[in-house]
Amino acid sequence: MTVFALLYTLHVLAALVWVGGMFFAWMVLRPAAVKALQGPARLTLWADVFPRFFVWVWVAVVLLPISGTGLMHLRFNGFETAPRYVQVMMGLYVVMTALFIRIQALQLPLLRQAVQAEDWAAGAAALGSIRRLVGINLLVGLSLVAIAAARPGL
């Protein structure tokens, strides 16, 4: 396996875990949880799910710029000569990372505190905020994947 193939594989897998995880949470787990669980159980579920998923998101947050920078240098000899779509992808990565950090650092602690205190109204508000931010991040991530997919052969 070439260095390029290894970096490309890591890059695609990291993006798949992050964006695919958000898609699964938004489109599959959330509707099923709403249907099957009452508010307190649903909030408790999400308070347990997010930290587990966020470990994997952190892996993606670290791997994507490392593998992306490597790919950019191997394919385009650096940022200055990289095509505009690569620069757009890098910018969207920054947006996604900022949204993720906001969720983890600001919103998740509110959800955890509310669940611990059994303050279900505050928990629902925190989860609603997380849901909106994840929805935005999912749209950004899907846009990023579409940009990448439109450029076969990188």
Protein backbone atom coordinates (compact mmCIF):
# COMPACT_ATOMS: atom_id res chain seq x y z
CA MET A 1 0.00 0.00 0.00
CA THR A 2 1.39 3.40 -0.94
CA VAL A 3 1.57 6.30 1.49
CA PHE A 4 -1.06 8.09 -0.58
CA ALA A 5 -3.42 5.07 -0.41
CA LEU A 6 -2.93 4.77 3.36
CA LEU A 7 -3.61 8.47 3.97
CA TYR A 8 -6.60 8.44 1.63
CA THR A 9 -8.06 5.37 3.37
CA LEU A 10 -7.62 6.93 6.83
CA HIS A 11 -9.12 10.18 5.58
CA VAL A 12 -12.21 8.52 4.10
CA LEU A 13 -12.74 6.29 7.15
CA ALA A 14 -12.48 9.25 9.55
CA ALA A 15 -15.01 11.23 7.52
CA LEU A 16 -17.28 8.18 7.30
CA VAL A 17 -17.26 7.67 11.07
CA TRP A 18 -18.00 11.32 11.83
CA VAL A 19 -20.57 12.15 9.15
CA GLY A 20 -22.07 8.66 9.14
CA GLY A 21 -22.42 8.73 12.90
CA MET A 22 -24.27 12.03 12.75
CA PHE A 23 -26.51 10.69 9.97
CA PHE A 24 -27.32 7.58 12.01
CA ALA A 25 -28.03 9.63 15.14
CA TRP A 26 -30.22 12.16 13.35
CA MET A 27 -32.09 9.92 10.90
CA VAL A 28 -32.32 6.58 12.76
CA LEU A 29 -31.60 6.72 16.50
CA ARG A 30 -33.40 9.97 17.27
CA PRO A 31 -36.76 8.99 15.68
CA ALA A 32 -36.58 5.53 17.27
CA ALA A 33 -35.79 7.01 20.70
CA VAL A 34 -38.67 9.50 20.40
CA LYS A 35 -41.06 6.67 19.52
CA ALA A 36 -39.86 4.13 22.08
CA LEU A 37 -38.79 6.15 25.13
CA GLN A 38 -40.37 8.67 27.46
CA GLY A 39 -38.53 11.98 28.04
CA PRO A 40 -36.38 10.99 31.05
CA ALA A 41 -35.24 7.72 29.49
CA ARG A 42 -34.58 9.42 26.16
CA LEU A 43 -32.49 12.16 27.80
CA THR A 44 -30.55 9.55 29.78
CA LEU A 45 -29.92 7.58 26.59
CA TRP A 46 -28.49 10.64 24.80
CA ALA A 47 -26.38 11.59 27.83
CA ASP A 48 -24.80 8.13 27.51
CA VAL A 49 -24.60 8.03 23.69
CA PHE A 50 -22.87 11.36 23.07
CA PRO A 51 -19.70 10.73 25.11
CA ARG A 52 -19.23 7.35 23.43
CA PHE A 53 -19.67 8.82 19.96
CA PHE A 54 -17.54 11.86 20.76
CA VAL A 55 -14.50 9.66 21.41
CA TRP A 56 -14.74 8.57 17.78
CA VAL A 57 -15.36 12.12 16.60
CA TRP A 58 -12.13 13.18 18.34
CA VAL A 59 -10.29 10.43 16.45
CA ALA A 60 -11.72 11.88 13.22
CA VAL A 61 -10.91 15.46 14.29
CA VAL A 62 -7.27 14.43 14.71
CA LEU A 63 -6.97 12.12 11.68
CA LEU A 64 -8.66 14.36 9.11
CA PRO A 65 -6.17 17.26 9.16
CA ILE A 66 -3.18 14.93 9.42
CA SER A 67 -4.26 12.75 6.52
CA GLY A 68 -5.65 15.72 4.56
CA THR A 69 -2.44 17.69 4.88
CA GLY A 70 -0.45 14.64 3.81
CA LEU A 71 -2.70 14.10 0.81
CA MET A 72 -2.50 17.76 -0.13
CA HIS A 73 1.29 17.73 -0.08
CA LEU A 74 1.53 14.46 -1.98
CA ARG A 75 -1.02 15.43 -4.63
CA PHE A 76 -0.69 19.22 -4.93
CA ASN A 77 2.68 20.05 -3.35
CA GLY A 78 1.05 22.15 -0.62
CA PHE A 79 -1.78 24.52 0.19
CA GLU A 80 -0.77 27.26 -2.23
CA THR A 81 -1.13 25.04 -5.29
CA ALA A 82 -4.14 23.04 -4.06
CA PRO A 83 -7.34 23.61 -6.00
CA ARG A 84 -10.08 25.78 -4.50
CA TYR A 85 -12.23 22.77 -3.59
CA VAL A 86 -9.48 21.49 -1.27
CA GLN A 87 -9.33 24.87 0.43
CA VAL A 88 -13.13 24.88 0.77
CA MET A 89 -12.99 21.40 2.30
CA MET A 90 -10.44 22.62 4.83
CA GLY A 91 -12.66 25.54 5.74
CA LEU A 92 -15.69 23.30 6.18
CA TYR A 93 -13.61 21.02 8.43
CA VAL A 94 -12.88 24.03 10.65
CA VAL A 95 -16.61 24.87 10.80
CA MET A 96 -17.51 21.28 11.68
CA THR A 97 -14.83 21.09 14.35
CA ALA A 98 -15.96 24.38 15.91
CA LEU A 99 -19.56 23.17 16.03
CA PHE A 100 -18.48 19.86 17.54
CA ILE A 101 -16.39 21.57 20.22
CA ARG A 102 -19.31 23.86 21.03
CA ILE A 103 -21.57 20.84 21.48
CA GLN A 104 -19.10 18.95 23.64
CA ALA A 105 -17.82 21.84 25.74
CA LEU A 106 -21.03 23.84 26.21
CA GLN A 107 -24.14 21.81 25.47
CA LEU A 108 -23.24 18.29 26.62
CA PRO A 109 -22.38 19.43 30.18
CA LEU A 110 -25.80 21.11 30.39
CA LEU A 111 -27.48 17.87 29.32
CA ARG A 112 -25.48 15.81 31.82
CA GLN A 113 -26.21 18.23 34.67
CA ALA A 114 -29.91 18.26 33.86
CA VAL A 115 -30.10 14.46 33.71
CA GLN A 116 -28.22 14.14 37.01
CA ALA A 117 -30.54 16.67 38.66
CA GLU A 118 -33.58 15.07 36.98
CA ASP A 119 -34.44 18.49 35.59
CA TRP A 120 -36.13 17.12 32.50
CA ALA A 121 -37.18 20.50 31.10
CA ALA A 122 -33.59 21.78 31.18
CA GLY A 123 -32.43 18.47 29.72
CA ALA A 124 -34.93 18.74 26.87
CA ALA A 125 -33.73 22.29 26.15
CA ALA A 126 -30.08 21.17 26.13
CA LEU A 127 -30.87 18.20 23.90
CA GLY A 128 -32.83 20.46 21.54
CA SER A 129 -29.81 22.74 21.21
CA ILE A 130 -27.52 19.75 20.60
CA ARG A 131 -29.96 18.41 18.00
CA ARG A 132 -29.96 21.70 16.08
CA LEU A 133 -26.16 21.96 16.12
CA VAL A 134 -25.75 18.33 15.06
CA GLY A 135 -28.26 18.96 12.25
CA ILE A 136 -26.22 21.92 11.03
CA ASN A 137 -23.01 19.92 11.33
CA LEU A 138 -24.58 17.04 9.43
CA LEU A 139 -25.54 19.37 6.57
CA VAL A 140 -22.02 20.82 6.48
CA GLY A 141 -20.54 17.30 6.59
CA LEU A 142 -22.78 16.03 3.80
CA SER A 143 -21.84 19.09 1.73
CA LEU A 144 -18.18 18.37 2.34
CA VAL A 145 -18.60 14.74 1.29
CA ALA A 146 -20.46 15.85 -1.85
CA ILE A 147 -17.60 18.21 -2.74
CA ALA A 148 -15.08 15.42 -2.27
CA ALA A 149 -17.15 12.91 -4.23
CA ALA A 150 -17.48 15.33 -7.15
CA ARG A 151 -13.69 15.25 -7.54
CA PRO A 152 -12.86 11.66 -8.53
CA GLY A 153 -9.24 10.72 -8.14
CA LEU A 154 -8.70 13.56 -5.70
